[in-house]
Every structure is written in C-alpha cells, then in structure tokens.
Amino acid sequence: MSQNSITVIKPYKWEGMWVFDDDRVGLVKEPFVGGADTLIDLAVEKMEIENANDGFLMLFSATPFPGAEVHLKWVREDMGGNVYIWLDADREGWLCPALLKYFDKAPSELYVQLKNAG
C-alpha cells in the first residue's frame, strides 16, 4: 500500500472494546488494545464525536493532510507491534501488527482525523 494515501476505517464498540472491520485486508473485529483504546477514548471526547460507540470514521495517513487533528509519533517496537505517542495528550498507545496491512513498515508519524459517521 502507498504510504502517501489516506485510509478510512470505522471503529465501533463491541463487547466494551474498540474494534474495526476491514474486508479489504481481511480484518474482522480487530481490537485496539495496549493504550490505543485509551487514545481513541480521548480523541472521541476531544473531537466531540456523536454516538461514537455505534461507529465513526477514522482517517489516517503517514503524511499530514487537512483536518488531521491527531499527530502520533513512533516511539518503539514492542511485542510485535509498534508504540506511538500522542504528544498533545502525553499518552502512548500500542498498534498491533495489523498496522502493517496498511504500510510496508511502521511509519515514523501517523496523522489521524475522526469524523461522525453518516
């Protein structure tokens, strides 16, 4: 996949966890864990996403794009995944190896925008 593209997924709550499905890369109920779930909680609150538990749009890219409110920086590899920090929130989150379904290698930075679905 191109590292200059913007990818869109639709996270939602299932059994109390943030998960997402992406048929394009074979993911079903892929969970956000290891602090990534907390980053989503903080971003949903900060961006005032309505009915977030039912699903919202998450756009992400390795390059800046208009509307991206969250800027994550790569910190380290850990347990097969990658840890990123959201400097504005002073919080870290672990992204599992599923990240590599979207990028050839873990990007040094991630830019994220959350939008209301529908």
N, C-alpha and C. Protein backbone atom coordinates (compact mmCIF):
# COMPACT_ATOMS: atom_id res chain seq x y z
N MET A 1 0.84 -1.18 0.00
CA MET A 1 0.00 0.00 0.00
C MET A 1 0.88 1.25 0.00
N SER A 2 0.39 2.27 -0.60
CA SER A 2 1.13 3.53 -0.67
C SER A 2 1.14 4.20 0.70
N GLN A 3 2.29 4.71 1.08
CA GLN A 3 2.37 5.40 2.36
C GLN A 3 1.86 6.84 2.26
N ASN A 4 1.51 7.29 1.06
CA ASN A 4 1.03 8.65 0.90
C ASN A 4 -0.49 8.71 0.80
N SER A 5 -1.16 7.58 0.94
CA SER A 5 -2.61 7.57 0.83
C SER A 5 -3.26 7.77 2.19
N ILE A 6 -4.53 8.14 2.15
CA ILE A 6 -5.32 8.25 3.36
C ILE A 6 -6.22 7.02 3.42
N THR A 7 -6.18 6.34 4.53
CA THR A 7 -7.00 5.15 4.73
C THR A 7 -8.16 5.51 5.66
N VAL A 8 -9.32 4.90 5.41
CA VAL A 8 -10.50 5.13 6.24
C VAL A 8 -10.96 3.80 6.83
N ILE A 9 -11.13 3.79 8.15
CA ILE A 9 -11.74 2.64 8.82
C ILE A 9 -12.89 3.17 9.69
N LYS A 10 -13.71 2.26 10.20
CA LYS A 10 -14.84 2.67 11.02
C LYS A 10 -14.83 1.91 12.35
N PRO A 11 -14.10 2.43 13.33
CA PRO A 11 -14.10 1.79 14.66
C PRO A 11 -15.48 1.88 15.31
N TYR A 12 -15.78 0.90 16.15
CA TYR A 12 -17.02 0.87 16.91
C TYR A 12 -16.76 0.03 18.16
N LYS A 13 -17.69 0.13 19.12
CA LYS A 13 -17.56 -0.63 20.35
C LYS A 13 -18.25 -1.99 20.19
N TRP A 14 -17.55 -3.03 20.58
CA TRP A 14 -18.09 -4.39 20.59
C TRP A 14 -17.61 -5.06 21.87
N GLU A 15 -18.55 -5.55 22.67
CA GLU A 15 -18.20 -6.18 23.95
C GLU A 15 -17.32 -5.26 24.81
N GLY A 16 -17.58 -3.96 24.73
CA GLY A 16 -16.85 -2.99 25.55
C GLY A 16 -15.48 -2.60 25.02
N MET A 17 -15.12 -3.10 23.83
CA MET A 17 -13.80 -2.80 23.25
C MET A 17 -13.95 -2.07 21.92
N TRP A 18 -12.99 -1.18 21.63
CA TRP A 18 -12.93 -0.56 20.30
C TRP A 18 -12.39 -1.60 19.33
N VAL A 19 -13.12 -1.83 18.25
CA VAL A 19 -12.71 -2.77 17.20
C VAL A 19 -13.04 -2.15 15.85
N PHE A 20 -12.53 -2.77 14.78
CA PHE A 20 -12.93 -2.37 13.43
C PHE A 20 -12.86 -3.56 12.50
N ASP A 21 -13.60 -3.45 11.42
CA ASP A 21 -13.60 -4.46 10.37
C ASP A 21 -13.04 -3.80 9.11
N ASP A 22 -12.29 -4.56 8.34
CA ASP A 22 -11.84 -4.06 7.05
C ASP A 22 -11.70 -5.24 6.09
N ASP A 23 -12.75 -5.46 5.31
CA ASP A 23 -12.77 -6.57 4.36
C ASP A 23 -11.61 -6.51 3.37
N ARG A 24 -11.16 -5.30 3.06
CA ARG A 24 -10.07 -5.14 2.07
C ARG A 24 -8.80 -5.84 2.50
N VAL A 25 -8.56 -5.92 3.81
CA VAL A 25 -7.32 -6.54 4.30
C VAL A 25 -7.59 -7.74 5.21
N GLY A 26 -8.84 -8.20 5.24
CA GLY A 26 -9.16 -9.41 5.96
C GLY A 26 -9.25 -9.29 7.47
N LEU A 27 -9.65 -8.13 7.97
CA LEU A 27 -9.76 -7.94 9.42
C LEU A 27 -11.23 -7.89 9.85
N VAL A 28 -11.55 -8.62 10.89
CA VAL A 28 -12.90 -8.62 11.46
C VAL A 28 -12.77 -8.47 12.97
N LYS A 29 -13.45 -7.46 13.50
CA LYS A 29 -13.42 -7.16 14.93
C LYS A 29 -11.98 -7.09 15.45
N GLU A 30 -11.12 -6.44 14.69
CA GLU A 30 -9.72 -6.24 15.09
C GLU A 30 -9.71 -5.25 16.25
N PRO A 31 -9.21 -5.66 17.43
CA PRO A 31 -9.30 -4.78 18.60
C PRO A 31 -8.15 -3.78 18.70
N PHE A 32 -8.48 -2.64 19.28
CA PHE A 32 -7.48 -1.66 19.70
C PHE A 32 -7.22 -1.95 21.17
N VAL A 33 -5.97 -2.26 21.53
CA VAL A 33 -5.61 -2.59 22.91
C VAL A 33 -4.31 -1.87 23.26
N GLY A 34 -3.80 -2.11 24.44
CA GLY A 34 -2.49 -1.60 24.83
C GLY A 34 -2.37 -0.09 24.83
N GLY A 35 -3.45 0.58 25.21
CA GLY A 35 -3.41 2.04 25.27
C GLY A 35 -3.98 2.70 24.04
N ALA A 36 -4.03 2.01 22.90
CA ALA A 36 -4.64 2.59 21.70
C ALA A 36 -6.12 2.84 21.95
N ASP A 37 -6.74 1.97 22.76
CA ASP A 37 -8.15 2.16 23.11
C ASP A 37 -8.34 3.45 23.92
N THR A 38 -7.41 3.73 24.80
CA THR A 38 -7.47 4.97 25.59
C THR A 38 -7.28 6.19 24.70
N LEU A 39 -6.37 6.10 23.72
CA LEU A 39 -6.17 7.21 22.78
C LEU A 39 -7.46 7.49 22.02
N ILE A 40 -8.17 6.43 21.63
CA ILE A 40 -9.44 6.61 20.92
C ILE A 40 -10.45 7.28 21.85
N ASP A 41 -10.54 6.81 23.09
CA ASP A 41 -11.46 7.43 24.06
C ASP A 41 -11.19 8.94 24.16
N LEU A 42 -9.92 9.31 24.30
CA LEU A 42 -9.55 10.72 24.43
C LEU A 42 -9.89 11.51 23.16
N ALA A 43 -9.60 10.94 22.00
CA ALA A 43 -9.84 11.63 20.74
C ALA A 43 -11.34 11.81 20.48
N VAL A 44 -12.12 10.77 20.77
CA VAL A 44 -13.58 10.83 20.59
C VAL A 44 -14.16 11.95 21.45
N GLU A 45 -13.66 12.06 22.68
CA GLU A 45 -14.13 13.11 23.57
C GLU A 45 -13.69 14.49 23.08
N LYS A 46 -12.41 14.61 22.72
CA LYS A 46 -11.88 15.89 22.28
C LYS A 46 -12.56 16.38 21.00
N MET A 47 -12.83 15.46 20.06
CA MET A 47 -13.43 15.84 18.78
C MET A 47 -14.95 15.86 18.83
N GLU A 48 -15.52 15.53 20.00
CA GLU A 48 -16.96 15.54 20.20
C GLU A 48 -17.69 14.70 19.15
N ILE A 49 -17.22 13.46 18.99
CA ILE A 49 -17.84 12.54 18.04
C ILE A 49 -19.15 12.02 18.63
N GLU A 50 -20.23 12.19 17.90
CA GLU A 50 -21.56 11.79 18.38
C GLU A 50 -21.75 10.29 18.18
N ASN A 51 -22.34 9.64 19.18
CA ASN A 51 -22.66 8.21 19.10
C ASN A 51 -21.45 7.38 18.66
N ALA A 52 -20.29 7.72 19.18
CA ALA A 52 -19.05 7.07 18.76
C ALA A 52 -19.11 5.56 18.93
N ASN A 53 -19.75 5.08 19.99
CA ASN A 53 -19.80 3.64 20.23
C ASN A 53 -20.45 2.88 19.08
N ASP A 54 -21.33 3.54 18.35
CA ASP A 54 -22.00 2.91 17.20
C ASP A 54 -21.14 2.94 15.95
N GLY A 55 -20.03 3.65 15.99
CA GLY A 55 -19.11 3.73 14.86
C GLY A 55 -18.88 5.16 14.40
N PHE A 56 -17.66 5.43 14.04
CA PHE A 56 -17.27 6.74 13.50
C PHE A 56 -16.19 6.49 12.45
N LEU A 57 -15.91 7.49 11.66
CA LEU A 57 -14.88 7.35 10.63
C LEU A 57 -13.54 7.79 11.19
N MET A 58 -12.52 6.99 10.94
CA MET A 58 -11.15 7.31 11.32
C MET A 58 -10.31 7.31 10.05
N LEU A 59 -9.82 8.48 9.69
CA LEU A 59 -8.93 8.63 8.54
C LEU A 59 -7.51 8.68 9.08
N PHE A 60 -6.58 7.98 8.43
CA PHE A 60 -5.20 8.04 8.89
C PHE A 60 -4.23 7.93 7.72
N SER A 61 -3.07 8.55 7.93
CA SER A 61 -2.05 8.60 6.90
C SER A 61 -0.68 8.80 7.55
N ALA A 62 0.36 8.43 6.83
CA ALA A 62 1.72 8.67 7.31
C ALA A 62 2.18 10.08 6.98
N THR A 63 1.38 10.81 6.23
CA THR A 63 1.72 12.19 5.86
C THR A 63 0.59 13.11 6.31
N PRO A 64 0.91 14.37 6.63
CA PRO A 64 -0.12 15.31 7.07
C PRO A 64 -1.19 15.50 5.99
N PHE A 65 -2.42 15.74 6.42
CA PHE A 65 -3.50 16.06 5.50
C PHE A 65 -4.46 17.02 6.19
N PRO A 66 -5.20 17.82 5.41
CA PRO A 66 -6.12 18.80 6.00
C PRO A 66 -7.15 18.11 6.89
N GLY A 67 -7.33 18.64 8.09
CA GLY A 67 -8.33 18.11 9.01
C GLY A 67 -7.79 17.10 10.01
N ALA A 68 -6.55 16.66 9.84
CA ALA A 68 -5.97 15.70 10.78
C ALA A 68 -5.71 16.41 12.11
N GLU A 69 -6.43 15.98 13.16
CA GLU A 69 -6.32 16.64 14.47
C GLU A 69 -5.36 15.93 15.40
N VAL A 70 -5.07 14.67 15.12
CA VAL A 70 -4.22 13.87 16.00
C VAL A 70 -2.92 13.56 15.28
N HIS A 71 -1.81 13.84 15.94
CA HIS A 71 -0.48 13.58 15.38
C HIS A 71 0.23 12.63 16.33
N LEU A 72 0.52 11.43 15.83
CA LEU A 72 1.20 10.42 16.63
C LEU A 72 2.63 10.25 16.15
N LYS A 73 3.55 10.07 17.08
CA LYS A 73 4.96 9.83 16.74
C LYS A 73 5.36 8.44 17.20
N TRP A 74 6.10 7.75 16.33
CA TRP A 74 6.59 6.42 16.66
C TRP A 74 7.59 6.51 17.81
N VAL A 75 7.46 5.56 18.75
CA VAL A 75 8.35 5.54 19.91
C VAL A 75 9.28 4.32 19.86
N ARG A 76 8.67 3.13 19.67
CA ARG A 76 9.47 1.90 19.71
C ARG A 76 8.64 0.71 19.22
N GLU A 77 9.36 -0.35 18.86
CA GLU A 77 8.70 -1.63 18.60
C GLU A 77 8.48 -2.30 19.94
N ASP A 78 7.38 -3.07 20.04
CA ASP A 78 7.10 -3.77 21.28
C ASP A 78 6.14 -4.92 21.01
N MET A 79 6.53 -6.11 21.40
CA MET A 79 5.69 -7.32 21.28
C MET A 79 5.08 -7.47 19.89
N GLY A 80 5.87 -7.29 18.87
CA GLY A 80 5.41 -7.48 17.50
C GLY A 80 4.65 -6.32 16.91
N GLY A 81 4.34 -5.33 17.72
CA GLY A 81 3.62 -4.15 17.25
C GLY A 81 4.49 -2.91 17.41
N ASN A 82 3.86 -1.77 17.39
CA ASN A 82 4.58 -0.50 17.49
C ASN A 82 3.87 0.44 18.44
N VAL A 83 4.66 1.12 19.26
CA VAL A 83 4.13 2.07 20.22
C VAL A 83 4.27 3.47 19.65
N TYR A 84 3.17 4.23 19.73
CA TYR A 84 3.14 5.63 19.29
C TYR A 84 2.73 6.50 20.46
N ILE A 85 3.19 7.75 20.44
CA ILE A 85 2.78 8.70 21.47
C ILE A 85 1.99 9.83 20.82
N TRP A 86 0.93 10.21 21.47
CA TRP A 86 0.16 11.41 21.10
C TRP A 86 0.67 12.48 22.04
N LEU A 87 1.58 13.31 21.54
CA LEU A 87 2.26 14.29 22.38
C LEU A 87 1.29 15.25 23.04
N ASP A 88 0.24 15.69 22.31
CA ASP A 88 -0.72 16.64 22.87
C ASP A 88 -1.43 16.07 24.10
N ALA A 89 -1.60 14.76 24.14
CA ALA A 89 -2.29 14.12 25.27
C ALA A 89 -1.31 13.47 26.23
N ASP A 90 -0.02 13.45 25.86
CA ASP A 90 1.02 12.81 26.66
C ASP A 90 0.65 11.37 27.01
N ARG A 91 0.16 10.65 25.99
CA ARG A 91 -0.25 9.25 26.16
C ARG A 91 0.32 8.39 25.04
N GLU A 92 0.66 7.17 25.40
CA GLU A 92 1.16 6.21 24.42
C GLU A 92 0.10 5.16 24.14
N GLY A 93 0.16 4.60 22.94
CA GLY A 93 -0.72 3.50 22.57
C GLY A 93 0.02 2.53 21.67
N TRP A 94 -0.30 1.25 21.83
CA TRP A 94 0.33 0.19 21.05
C TRP A 94 -0.56 -0.15 19.87
N LEU A 95 0.03 -0.19 18.69
CA LEU A 95 -0.69 -0.61 17.49
C LEU A 95 -0.16 -1.97 17.07
N CYS A 96 -1.06 -2.91 16.93
CA CYS A 96 -0.68 -4.30 16.66
C CYS A 96 -0.14 -4.46 15.24
N PRO A 97 0.36 -5.65 14.92
CA PRO A 97 0.92 -5.88 13.59
C PRO A 97 -0.05 -5.65 12.43
N ALA A 98 -1.35 -5.53 12.70
CA ALA A 98 -2.31 -5.21 11.64
C ALA A 98 -1.97 -3.88 10.96
N LEU A 99 -1.23 -3.01 11.66
CA LEU A 99 -0.78 -1.74 11.06
C LEU A 99 -0.05 -2.01 9.75
N LEU A 100 0.66 -3.14 9.69
CA LEU A 100 1.46 -3.45 8.50
C LEU A 100 0.61 -3.95 7.34
N LYS A 101 -0.69 -4.05 7.53
CA LYS A 101 -1.59 -4.31 6.40
C LYS A 101 -1.84 -3.02 5.62
N TYR A 102 -1.49 -1.90 6.23
CA TYR A 102 -1.70 -0.59 5.61
C TYR A 102 -0.41 0.10 5.20
N PHE A 103 0.70 -0.30 5.77
CA PHE A 103 2.00 0.30 5.49
C PHE A 103 3.04 -0.79 5.34
N ASP A 104 4.04 -0.55 4.49
CA ASP A 104 5.13 -1.51 4.30
C ASP A 104 5.94 -1.69 5.58
N LYS A 105 6.10 -0.59 6.32
CA LYS A 105 6.77 -0.62 7.62
C LYS A 105 6.08 0.42 8.49
N ALA A 106 6.28 0.32 9.78
CA ALA A 106 5.63 1.26 10.70
C ALA A 106 6.11 2.68 10.39
N PRO A 107 5.19 3.59 10.07
CA PRO A 107 5.60 4.96 9.77
C PRO A 107 6.14 5.67 11.02
N SER A 108 7.02 6.63 10.80
CA SER A 108 7.58 7.39 11.93
C SER A 108 6.54 8.33 12.53
N GLU A 109 5.52 8.67 11.75
CA GLU A 109 4.45 9.52 12.23
C GLU A 109 3.13 9.06 11.63
N LEU A 110 2.06 9.27 12.37
CA LEU A 110 0.71 9.00 11.88
C LEU A 110 -0.14 10.23 12.12
N TYR A 111 -0.95 10.57 11.14
CA TYR A 111 -1.86 11.70 11.22
C TYR A 111 -3.27 11.14 11.15
N VAL A 112 -4.13 11.56 12.07
CA VAL A 112 -5.44 10.95 12.22
C VAL A 112 -6.53 12.02 12.31
N GLN A 113 -7.65 11.73 11.64
CA GLN A 113 -8.83 12.57 11.76
C GLN A 113 -10.01 11.68 12.13
N LEU A 114 -10.85 12.13 13.05
CA LEU A 114 -12.07 11.43 13.41
C LEU A 114 -13.25 12.25 12.91
N LYS A 115 -14.22 11.54 12.34
CA LYS A 115 -15.43 12.20 11.83
C LYS A 115 -16.65 11.42 12.23
N ASN A 116 -17.75 12.11 12.42
CA ASN A 116 -19.01 11.45 12.68
C ASN A 116 -19.38 10.60 11.47
N ALA A 117 -19.91 9.42 11.72
CA ALA A 117 -20.37 8.56 10.63
C ALA A 117 -21.75 9.02 10.19
N GLY A 118 -22.01 8.79 8.92
CA GLY A 118 -23.36 9.11 8.39
C GLY A 118 -23.53 10.52 8.23
